[in-house]
Amino acid sequence: SENRPMANNITHLVMGKALCYFCLYIVPTVFLMHVVPYIFRYPQLGSQWHIYSFAVPYVLACIFFSMTLSVFVRERETTFLLFVFSSLVFLFISGITWPTYAMPPVWRYIGYLIPSTFGVEGFVKMSTGGSEIYAVKDAYLALWIQTGAYFVLTCLIYRYQLYRDK
């Protein structure tokens, strides 16, 4: 059929961009999860391999989440506004600065859509609590679900944009 090659091209496009972003984010991820805690003598009780294996779905979920949100960006400058506005909201929703049990339910549900919510939960438990990967399996699974969901959503959005441009 005619639509199948376009679907393959979209999937390849999204996967190629995600792989490129993933390769770019490896260095800052290692720096933030290994070097910064060492420099500032933050406790690192969890296994580095467990933390890095948790980082894989987190980084992928963030990549596909941002690719999904890129539909709202028309000019380069819009990225800065989107980043400044959303970073503070995402910080509060993640539960690191404000306890999730004190949040209204609507904000908790919105937080479930953002990768940092599960990422913060897992990283805090692993790095400062010494938890293993199986102890944060709910957050780990949620990040893989977000990765898959945002991948599909990104493919649909990119397909729509290509269809609209033709």
C-alpha atoms as a PDB file:
ATOM      1  CA  SER A   1       0.000   0.000   0.000  1.00  0.00           C
ATOM      2  CA  GLU A   2       1.014   3.624  -0.433  1.00  0.00           C
ATOM      3  CA  ASN A   3       0.945   4.600   3.237  1.00  0.00           C
ATOM      4  CA  ARG A   4       3.350   1.914   4.432  1.00  0.00           C
ATOM      5  CA  PRO A   5       6.546   3.492   3.045  1.00  0.00           C
ATOM      6  CA  MET A   6       5.579   6.789   4.643  1.00  0.00           C
ATOM      7  CA  ALA A   7       5.041   5.049   8.000  1.00  0.00           C
ATOM      8  CA  ASN A   8       8.451   3.388   7.702  1.00  0.00           C
ATOM      9  CA  ASN A   9      10.054   6.704   6.849  1.00  0.00           C
ATOM     10  CA  ILE A  10       8.418   8.362   9.852  1.00  0.00           C
ATOM     11  CA  THR A  11       9.556   5.582  12.175  1.00  0.00           C
ATOM     12  CA  HIS A  12      13.089   5.766  10.800  1.00  0.00           C
ATOM     13  CA  LEU A  13      13.088   9.548  11.080  1.00  0.00           C
ATOM     14  CA  VAL A  14      11.926   9.502  14.695  1.00  0.00           C
ATOM     15  CA  MET A  15      14.286   6.674  15.670  1.00  0.00           C
ATOM     16  CA  GLY A  16      17.221   8.363  13.913  1.00  0.00           C
ATOM     17  CA  LYS A  17      16.627  11.678  15.636  1.00  0.00           C
ATOM     18  CA  ALA A  18      16.152   9.941  18.989  1.00  0.00           C
ATOM     19  CA  LEU A  19      19.380   7.973  18.554  1.00  0.00           C
ATOM     20  CA  CYS A  20      21.228  11.180  17.731  1.00  0.00           C
ATOM     21  CA  TYR A  21      19.802  12.929  20.798  1.00  0.00           C
ATOM     22  CA  PHE A  22      20.544   9.887  22.964  1.00  0.00           C
ATOM     23  CA  CYS A  23      24.192   9.893  21.859  1.00  0.00           C
ATOM     24  CA  LEU A  24      24.417  13.609  22.628  1.00  0.00           C
ATOM     25  CA  TYR A  25      22.895  13.173  26.100  1.00  0.00           C
ATOM     26  CA  ILE A  26      25.189  10.328  27.188  1.00  0.00           C
ATOM     27  CA  VAL A  27      27.994  12.665  28.277  1.00  0.00           C
ATOM     28  CA  PRO A  28      25.832  15.064  30.351  1.00  0.00           C
ATOM     29  CA  THR A  29      23.988  12.102  31.877  1.00  0.00           C
ATOM     30  CA  VAL A  30      27.218  10.479  33.055  1.00  0.00           C
ATOM     31  CA  PHE A  31      28.473  13.845  34.254  1.00  0.00           C
ATOM     32  CA  LEU A  32      25.318  14.606  36.255  1.00  0.00           C
ATOM     33  CA  MET A  33      24.940  11.132  37.728  1.00  0.00           C
ATOM     34  CA  HIS A  34      28.527  10.292  38.472  1.00  0.00           C
ATOM     35  CA  VAL A  35      30.857  13.290  38.401  1.00  0.00           C
ATOM     36  CA  VAL A  36      28.668  15.932  40.115  1.00  0.00           C
ATOM     37  CA  PRO A  37      27.835  13.735  43.122  1.00  0.00           C
ATOM     38  CA  TYR A  38      31.525  12.873  43.434  1.00  0.00           C
ATOM     39  CA  ILE A  39      32.641  16.528  43.257  1.00  0.00           C
ATOM     40  CA  PHE A  40      30.105  17.725  45.836  1.00  0.00           C
ATOM     41  CA  ARG A  41      30.363  14.585  47.973  1.00  0.00           C
ATOM     42  CA  TYR A  42      26.676  13.749  47.609  1.00  0.00           C
ATOM     43  CA  PRO A  43      25.821  10.305  48.883  1.00  0.00           C
ATOM     44  CA  GLN A  44      25.812   7.672  46.165  1.00  0.00           C
ATOM     45  CA  LEU A  45      24.517   4.617  47.936  1.00  0.00           C
ATOM     46  CA  GLY A  46      23.008   2.889  44.916  1.00  0.00           C
ATOM     47  CA  SER A  47      24.874   0.857  42.339  1.00  0.00           C
ATOM     48  CA  GLN A  48      26.058   2.976  39.415  1.00  0.00           C
ATOM     49  CA  TRP A  49      24.986   0.256  36.972  1.00  0.00           C
ATOM     50  CA  HIS A  50      21.461   0.252  38.389  1.00  0.00           C
ATOM     51  CA  ILE A  51      21.338   4.038  38.212  1.00  0.00           C
ATOM     52  CA  TYR A  52      22.577   4.038  34.600  1.00  0.00           C
ATOM     53  CA  SER A  53      20.122   1.313  33.612  1.00  0.00           C
ATOM     54  CA  PHE A  54      17.373   3.444  35.138  1.00  0.00           C
ATOM     55  CA  ALA A  55      18.684   6.443  33.189  1.00  0.00           C
ATOM     56  CA  VAL A  56      18.148   4.750  29.807  1.00  0.00           C
ATOM     57  CA  PRO A  57      14.322   4.811  29.846  1.00  0.00           C
ATOM     58  CA  TYR A  58      14.387   8.197  31.570  1.00  0.00           C
ATOM     59  CA  VAL A  59      16.498   9.803  28.843  1.00  0.00           C
ATOM     60  CA  LEU A  60      14.468   8.103  26.098  1.00  0.00           C
ATOM     61  CA  ALA A  61      11.185   9.217  27.669  1.00  0.00           C
ATOM     62  CA  CYS A  62      12.507  12.788  27.897  1.00  0.00           C
ATOM     63  CA  ILE A  63      13.657  12.690  24.273  1.00  0.00           C
ATOM     64  CA  PHE A  64      10.323  11.459  22.920  1.00  0.00           C
ATOM     65  CA  PHE A  65       8.424  13.789  25.273  1.00  0.00           C
ATOM     66  CA  SER A  66      10.356  16.778  23.942  1.00  0.00           C
ATOM     67  CA  MET A  67       9.941  15.603  20.350  1.00  0.00           C
ATOM     68  CA  THR A  68       6.199  15.436  21.000  1.00  0.00           C
ATOM     69  CA  LEU A  69       6.188  18.950  22.452  1.00  0.00           C
ATOM     70  CA  SER A  70       8.218  20.244  19.517  1.00  0.00           C
ATOM     71  CA  VAL A  71       4.952  20.563  17.585  1.00  0.00           C
ATOM     72  CA  PHE A  72       4.294  23.723  19.616  1.00  0.00           C
ATOM     73  CA  VAL A  73       7.602  25.314  18.603  1.00  0.00           C
ATOM     74  CA  ARG A  74       7.500  27.418  15.453  1.00  0.00           C
ATOM     75  CA  GLU A  75      10.559  29.602  16.069  1.00  0.00           C
ATOM     76  CA  ARG A  76      13.799  28.933  17.927  1.00  0.00           C
ATOM     77  CA  GLU A  77      13.051  31.580  20.528  1.00  0.00           C
ATOM     78  CA  THR A  78       9.855  29.783  21.537  1.00  0.00           C
ATOM     79  CA  THR A  79      11.994  26.956  22.911  1.00  0.00           C
ATOM     80  CA  PHE A  80      13.424  29.234  25.593  1.00  0.00           C
ATOM     81  CA  LEU A  81       9.987  30.418  26.683  1.00  0.00           C
ATOM     82  CA  LEU A  82       8.676  26.866  26.776  1.00  0.00           C
ATOM     83  CA  PHE A  83      11.703  25.716  28.775  1.00  0.00           C
ATOM     84  CA  VAL A  84      11.506  28.567  31.311  1.00  0.00           C
ATOM     85  CA  PHE A  85       7.777  28.167  31.819  1.00  0.00           C
ATOM     86  CA  SER A  86       7.704  24.386  32.031  1.00  0.00           C
ATOM     87  CA  SER A  87      10.841  23.770  34.111  1.00  0.00           C
ATOM     88  CA  LEU A  88       9.447  25.365  37.263  1.00  0.00           C
ATOM     89  CA  VAL A  89       6.095  23.627  36.862  1.00  0.00           C
ATOM     90  CA  PHE A  90       7.782  20.265  36.204  1.00  0.00           C
ATOM     91  CA  LEU A  91      10.041  20.766  39.222  1.00  0.00           C
ATOM     92  CA  PHE A  92       7.088  21.223  41.560  1.00  0.00           C
ATOM     93  CA  ILE A  93       5.043  18.434  39.978  1.00  0.00           C
ATOM     94  CA  SER A  94       7.952  15.967  40.245  1.00  0.00           C
ATOM     95  CA  GLY A  95       7.607  15.859  44.018  1.00  0.00           C
ATOM     96  CA  ILE A  96      11.170  16.871  44.824  1.00  0.00           C
ATOM     97  CA  THR A  97      10.295  20.387  46.038  1.00  0.00           C
ATOM     98  CA  TRP A  98       6.692  19.862  47.100  1.00  0.00           C
ATOM     99  CA  PRO A  99       5.395  16.576  48.543  1.00  0.00           C
ATOM    100  CA  THR A 100       3.049  14.766  46.184  1.00  0.00           C
ATOM    101  CA  TYR A 101       0.597  13.863  48.956  1.00  0.00           C
ATOM    102  CA  ALA A 102      -0.014  17.600  49.507  1.00  0.00           C
ATOM    103  CA  MET A 103      -0.787  18.270  45.836  1.00  0.00           C
ATOM    104  CA  PRO A 104      -4.317  18.423  44.487  1.00  0.00           C
ATOM    105  CA  PRO A 105      -5.107  15.240  42.527  1.00  0.00           C
ATOM    106  CA  VAL A 106      -5.250  17.067  39.195  1.00  0.00           C
ATOM    107  CA  TRP A 107      -1.584  18.095  39.524  1.00  0.00           C
ATOM    108  CA  ARG A 108      -0.589  14.566  40.498  1.00  0.00           C
ATOM    109  CA  TYR A 109      -2.285  13.216  37.364  1.00  0.00           C
ATOM    110  CA  ILE A 110      -0.594  15.840  35.206  1.00  0.00           C
ATOM    111  CA  GLY A 111       2.680  14.803  36.820  1.00  0.00           C
ATOM    112  CA  TYR A 112       2.176  11.249  35.588  1.00  0.00           C
ATOM    113  CA  LEU A 113       2.519  12.569  32.033  1.00  0.00           C
ATOM    114  CA  ILE A 114       5.969  14.052  32.662  1.00  0.00           C
ATOM    115  CA  PRO A 115       9.081  11.825  32.695  1.00  0.00           C
ATOM    116  CA  SER A 116      10.783  13.816  35.457  1.00  0.00           C
ATOM    117  CA  THR A 117       8.120  12.751  37.961  1.00  0.00           C
ATOM    118  CA  PHE A 118       9.117   9.088  37.771  1.00  0.00           C
ATOM    119  CA  GLY A 119      12.763   9.934  37.115  1.00  0.00           C
ATOM    120  CA  VAL A 120      13.096  11.973  40.309  1.00  0.00           C
ATOM    121  CA  GLU A 121      11.323   9.294  42.330  1.00  0.00           C
ATOM    122  CA  GLY A 122      13.639   6.560  41.101  1.00  0.00           C
ATOM    123  CA  PHE A 123      16.897   8.510  41.225  1.00  0.00           C
ATOM    124  CA  VAL A 124      16.305   9.778  44.757  1.00  0.00           C
ATOM    125  CA  LYS A 125      15.510   6.288  46.028  1.00  0.00           C
ATOM    126  CA  MET A 126      18.487   4.764  44.236  1.00  0.00           C
ATOM    127  CA  SER A 127      21.210   7.333  44.828  1.00  0.00           C
ATOM    128  CA  THR A 128      20.421   8.504  48.353  1.00  0.00           C
ATOM    129  CA  GLY A 129      18.440   5.515  49.613  1.00  0.00           C
ATOM    130  CA  GLY A 130      20.608   2.805  48.103  1.00  0.00           C
ATOM    131  CA  SER A 131      17.653   1.084  46.475  1.00  0.00           C
ATOM    132  CA  GLU A 132      18.212  -1.468  43.733  1.00  0.00           C
ATOM    133  CA  ILE A 133      16.460  -1.312  40.378  1.00  0.00           C
ATOM    134  CA  TYR A 134      13.773  -3.784  41.481  1.00  0.00           C
ATOM    135  CA  ALA A 135      12.807  -1.465  44.361  1.00  0.00           C
ATOM    136  CA  VAL A 136      11.893   1.266  41.874  1.00  0.00           C
ATOM    137  CA  LYS A 137      10.276  -1.074  39.355  1.00  0.00           C
ATOM    138  CA  ASP A 138       7.039   0.952  39.252  1.00  0.00           C
ATOM    139  CA  ALA A 139       8.862   4.132  38.217  1.00  0.00           C
ATOM    140  CA  TYR A 140      11.094   2.111  35.863  1.00  0.00           C
ATOM    141  CA  LEU A 141       8.069   0.529  34.174  1.00  0.00           C
ATOM    142  CA  ALA A 142       6.276   3.888  34.022  1.00  0.00           C
ATOM    143  CA  LEU A 143       9.269   5.399  32.213  1.00  0.00           C
ATOM    144  CA  TRP A 144       9.254   2.578  29.642  1.00  0.00           C
ATOM    145  CA  ILE A 145       5.500   3.083  29.151  1.00  0.00           C
ATOM    146  CA  GLN A 146       6.056   6.808  28.665  1.00  0.00           C
ATOM    147  CA  THR A 147       8.869   6.055  26.224  1.00  0.00           C
ATOM    148  CA  GLY A 148       6.563   3.874  24.133  1.00  0.00           C
ATOM    149  CA  ALA A 149       3.590   6.213  24.354  1.00  0.00           C
ATOM    150  CA  TYR A 150       5.579   9.318  23.455  1.00  0.00           C
ATOM    151  CA  PHE A 151       7.329   7.441  20.646  1.00  0.00           C
ATOM    152  CA  VAL A 152       3.969   6.552  19.082  1.00  0.00           C
ATOM    153  CA  LEU A 153       2.648  10.062  19.661  1.00  0.00           C
ATOM    154  CA  THR A 154       5.766  11.576  18.093  1.00  0.00           C
ATOM    155  CA  CYS A 155       5.401   9.325  15.044  1.00  0.00           C
ATOM    156  CA  LEU A 156       1.763  10.360  14.657  1.00  0.00           C
ATOM    157  CA  ILE A 157       2.595  14.051  15.006  1.00  0.00           C
ATOM    158  CA  TYR A 158       5.485  13.841  12.540  1.00  0.00           C
ATOM    159  CA  ARG A 159       3.278  11.922  10.109  1.00  0.00           C
ATOM    160  CA  TYR A 160       0.584  14.566  10.385  1.00  0.00           C
ATOM    161  CA  GLN A 161       3.123  17.355   9.848  1.00  0.00           C
ATOM    162  CA  LEU A 162       4.540  15.652   6.738  1.00  0.00           C
ATOM    163  CA  TYR A 163       1.038  14.979   5.404  1.00  0.00           C
ATOM    164  CA  ARG A 164       0.066  18.616   6.030  1.00  0.00           C
ATOM    165  CA  ASP A 165       3.206  19.908   4.294  1.00  0.00           C
ATOM    166  CA  LYS A 166       2.512  17.806   1.179  1.00  0.00           C
END
